[in-house]
Amino acid sequence: MTLGDPERLRAFFDVGEAELAATDAALADLVRERVALLVVDR
């Protein structure tokens, strides 16, 4: 599955070099985690 431009996604979801270095998770997994933790006010 392709998400799009990795650099643009990293910037939008604030996934830094340190976070990438600290895990063996793929960028797609980190983005899914960010979306799952997103707080939406209704």
PDB file of N, CA and C in Angstrom:
ATOM      1  N   MET A   1       0.844  -1.180   0.000  1.00  0.00           N
ATOM      2  CA  MET A   1       0.000   0.000   0.000  1.00  0.00           C
ATOM      3  C   MET A   1       0.887   1.241   0.000  1.00  0.00           C
ATOM      4  N   THR A   2       0.622   2.139  -0.875  1.00  0.00           N
ATOM      5  CA  THR A   2       1.389   3.375  -0.972  1.00  0.00           C
ATOM      6  C   THR A   2       0.604   4.505  -0.325  1.00  0.00           C
ATOM      7  N   LEU A   3       1.261   5.265   0.511  1.00  0.00           N
ATOM      8  CA  LEU A   3       0.600   6.364   1.208  1.00  0.00           C
ATOM      9  C   LEU A   3       0.744   7.687   0.490  1.00  0.00           C
ATOM     10  N   GLY A   4       1.760   7.846  -0.273  1.00  0.00           N
ATOM     11  CA  GLY A   4       2.044   9.128  -0.905  1.00  0.00           C
ATOM     12  C   GLY A   4       3.480   9.526  -0.650  1.00  0.00           C
ATOM     13  N   ASP A   5       3.760  10.800  -0.693  1.00  0.00           N
ATOM     14  CA  ASP A   5       5.098  11.314  -0.489  1.00  0.00           C
ATOM     15  C   ASP A   5       5.502  11.171   0.985  1.00  0.00           C
ATOM     16  N   PRO A   6       6.494  10.331   1.294  1.00  0.00           N
ATOM     17  CA  PRO A   6       6.885  10.094   2.686  1.00  0.00           C
ATOM     18  C   PRO A   6       7.304  11.364   3.434  1.00  0.00           C
ATOM     19  N   GLU A   7       8.036  12.248   2.787  1.00  0.00           N
ATOM     20  CA  GLU A   7       8.474  13.475   3.459  1.00  0.00           C
ATOM     21  C   GLU A   7       7.289  14.379   3.806  1.00  0.00           C
ATOM     22  N   ARG A   8       6.347  14.449   2.908  1.00  0.00           N
ATOM     23  CA  ARG A   8       5.154  15.273   3.163  1.00  0.00           C
ATOM     24  C   ARG A   8       4.329  14.681   4.308  1.00  0.00           C
ATOM     25  N   LEU A   9       4.185  13.369   4.336  1.00  0.00           N
ATOM     26  CA  LEU A   9       3.445  12.708   5.414  1.00  0.00           C
ATOM     27  C   LEU A   9       4.147  12.885   6.755  1.00  0.00           C
ATOM     28  N   ARG A  10       5.484  12.743   6.745  1.00  0.00           N
ATOM     29  CA  ARG A  10       6.231  12.918   7.985  1.00  0.00           C
ATOM     30  C   ARG A  10       6.053  14.326   8.526  1.00  0.00           C
ATOM     31  N   ALA A  11       6.072  15.314   7.648  1.00  0.00           N
ATOM     32  CA  ALA A  11       5.902  16.698   8.080  1.00  0.00           C
ATOM     33  C   ALA A  11       4.483  16.935   8.602  1.00  0.00           C
ATOM     34  N   PHE A  12       3.483  16.447   7.881  1.00  0.00           N
ATOM     35  CA  PHE A  12       2.091  16.676   8.260  1.00  0.00           C
ATOM     36  C   PHE A  12       1.764  16.020   9.600  1.00  0.00           C
ATOM     37  N   PHE A  13       2.235  14.782   9.806  1.00  0.00           N
ATOM     38  CA  PHE A  13       1.927  14.043  11.030  1.00  0.00           C
ATOM     39  C   PHE A  13       3.002  14.196  12.099  1.00  0.00           C
ATOM     40  N   ASP A  14       3.987  15.074  11.852  1.00  0.00           N
ATOM     41  CA  ASP A  14       5.044  15.379  12.812  1.00  0.00           C
ATOM     42  C   ASP A  14       5.784  14.117  13.280  1.00  0.00           C
ATOM     43  N   VAL A  15       6.191  13.301  12.321  1.00  0.00           N
ATOM     44  CA  VAL A  15       6.977  12.104  12.603  1.00  0.00           C
ATOM     45  C   VAL A  15       8.437  12.463  12.342  1.00  0.00           C
ATOM     46  N   GLY A  16       9.209  12.589  13.411  1.00  0.00           N
ATOM     47  CA  GLY A  16      10.587  13.030  13.296  1.00  0.00           C
ATOM     48  C   GLY A  16      11.580  11.892  13.127  1.00  0.00           C
ATOM     49  N   GLU A  17      12.819  12.283  12.878  1.00  0.00           N
ATOM     50  CA  GLU A  17      13.904  11.311  12.715  1.00  0.00           C
ATOM     51  C   GLU A  17      14.081  10.463  13.966  1.00  0.00           C
ATOM     52  N   ALA A  18      13.989  11.090  15.131  1.00  0.00           N
ATOM     53  CA  ALA A  18      14.170  10.358  16.388  1.00  0.00           C
ATOM     54  C   ALA A  18      13.114   9.275  16.551  1.00  0.00           C
ATOM     55  N   GLU A  19      11.879   9.594  16.206  1.00  0.00           N
ATOM     56  CA  GLU A  19      10.802   8.599  16.313  1.00  0.00           C
ATOM     57  C   GLU A  19      11.029   7.441  15.345  1.00  0.00           C
ATOM     58  N   LEU A  20      11.428   7.768  14.126  1.00  0.00           N
ATOM     59  CA  LEU A  20      11.705   6.716  13.146  1.00  0.00           C
ATOM     60  C   LEU A  20      12.863   5.834  13.603  1.00  0.00           C
ATOM     61  N   ALA A  21      13.883   6.449  14.204  1.00  0.00           N
ATOM     62  CA  ALA A  21      15.048   5.692  14.657  1.00  0.00           C
ATOM     63  C   ALA A  21      14.728   4.821  15.871  1.00  0.00           C
ATOM     64  N   ALA A  22      13.732   5.223  16.655  1.00  0.00           N
ATOM     65  CA  ALA A  22      13.408   4.514  17.892  1.00  0.00           C
ATOM     66  C   ALA A  22      12.497   3.308  17.689  1.00  0.00           C
ATOM     67  N   THR A  23      12.006   3.109  16.480  1.00  0.00           N
ATOM     68  CA  THR A  23      11.067   2.019  16.237  1.00  0.00           C
ATOM     69  C   THR A  23      11.403   1.306  14.939  1.00  0.00           C
ATOM     70  N   ASP A  24      10.916   0.091  14.838  1.00  0.00           N
ATOM     71  CA  ASP A  24      11.069  -0.627  13.572  1.00  0.00           C
ATOM     72  C   ASP A  24       9.762  -0.613  12.783  1.00  0.00           C
ATOM     73  N   ALA A  25       8.800   0.188  13.254  1.00  0.00           N
ATOM     74  CA  ALA A  25       7.518   0.307  12.570  1.00  0.00           C
ATOM     75  C   ALA A  25       7.684   1.082  11.269  1.00  0.00           C
ATOM     76  N   ALA A  26       6.848   0.766  10.323  1.00  0.00           N
ATOM     77  CA  ALA A  26       6.846   1.470   9.039  1.00  0.00           C
ATOM     78  C   ALA A  26       6.150   2.819   9.204  1.00  0.00           C
ATOM     79  N   LEU A  27       6.438   3.724   8.297  1.00  0.00           N
ATOM     80  CA  LEU A  27       5.800   5.041   8.323  1.00  0.00           C
ATOM     81  C   LEU A  27       4.280   4.897   8.283  1.00  0.00           C
ATOM     82  N   ALA A  28       3.782   3.965   7.515  1.00  0.00           N
ATOM     83  CA  ALA A  28       2.328   3.743   7.431  1.00  0.00           C
ATOM     84  C   ALA A  28       1.753   3.404   8.806  1.00  0.00           C
ATOM     85  N   ASP A  29       2.459   2.607   9.580  1.00  0.00           N
ATOM     86  CA  ASP A  29       1.991   2.250  10.921  1.00  0.00           C
ATOM     87  C   ASP A  29       1.982   3.465  11.845  1.00  0.00           C
ATOM     88  N   LEU A  30       3.005   4.304  11.739  1.00  0.00           N
ATOM     89  CA  LEU A  30       3.066   5.496  12.576  1.00  0.00           C
ATOM     90  C   LEU A  30       1.955   6.479  12.218  1.00  0.00           C
ATOM     91  N   VAL A  31       1.652   6.602  10.940  1.00  0.00           N
ATOM     92  CA  VAL A  31       0.567   7.477  10.507  1.00  0.00           C
ATOM     93  C   VAL A  31      -0.771   6.937  11.004  1.00  0.00           C
ATOM     94  N   ARG A  32      -0.979   5.638  10.895  1.00  0.00           N
ATOM     95  CA  ARG A  32      -2.230   5.035  11.413  1.00  0.00           C
ATOM     96  C   ARG A  32      -2.380   5.286  12.905  1.00  0.00           C
ATOM     97  N   GLU A  33      -1.278   5.185  13.650  1.00  0.00           N
ATOM     98  CA  GLU A  33      -1.324   5.439  15.086  1.00  0.00           C
ATOM     99  C   GLU A  33      -1.735   6.889  15.357  1.00  0.00           C
ATOM    100  N   ARG A  34      -1.163   7.835  14.603  1.00  0.00           N
ATOM    101  CA  ARG A  34      -1.512   9.249  14.775  1.00  0.00           C
ATOM    102  C   ARG A  34      -2.996   9.472  14.504  1.00  0.00           C
ATOM    103  N   VAL A  35      -3.522   8.855  13.471  1.00  0.00           N
ATOM    104  CA  VAL A  35      -4.930   9.019  13.129  1.00  0.00           C
ATOM    105  C   VAL A  35      -5.817   8.412  14.209  1.00  0.00           C
ATOM    106  N   ALA A  36      -5.415   7.262  14.733  1.00  0.00           N
ATOM    107  CA  ALA A  36      -6.196   6.597  15.785  1.00  0.00           C
ATOM    108  C   ALA A  36      -6.217   7.424  17.068  1.00  0.00           C
ATOM    109  N   LEU A  37      -5.147   8.164  17.330  1.00  0.00           N
ATOM    110  CA  LEU A  37      -5.059   8.968  18.557  1.00  0.00           C
ATOM    111  C   LEU A  37      -5.614  10.374  18.377  1.00  0.00           C
ATOM    112  N   LEU A  38      -6.056  10.706  17.172  1.00  0.00           N
ATOM    113  CA  LEU A  38      -6.555  12.039  16.878  1.00  0.00           C
ATOM    114  C   LEU A  38      -7.799  12.339  17.692  1.00  0.00           C
ATOM    115  N   VAL A  39      -7.779  13.476  18.357  1.00  0.00           N
ATOM    116  CA  VAL A  39      -8.921  13.911  19.152  1.00  0.00           C
ATOM    117  C   VAL A  39      -9.744  14.858  18.289  1.00  0.00           C
ATOM    118  N   VAL A  40     -10.997  14.510  18.123  1.00  0.00           N
ATOM    119  CA  VAL A  40     -11.886  15.319  17.306  1.00  0.00           C
ATOM    120  C   VAL A  40     -13.001  15.852  18.207  1.00  0.00           C
ATOM    121  N   ASP A  41     -13.122  17.159  18.261  1.00  0.00           N
ATOM    122  CA  ASP A  41     -14.204  17.769  19.049  1.00  0.00           C
ATOM    123  C   ASP A  41     -15.457  17.815  18.193  1.00  0.00           C
ATOM    124  N   ARG A  42     -16.562  17.473  18.799  1.00  0.00           N
ATOM    125  CA  ARG A  42     -17.847  17.525  18.090  1.00  0.00           C
ATOM    126  C   ARG A  42     -18.669  18.645  18.616  1.00  0.00           C
TER     127      ARG A  42
END
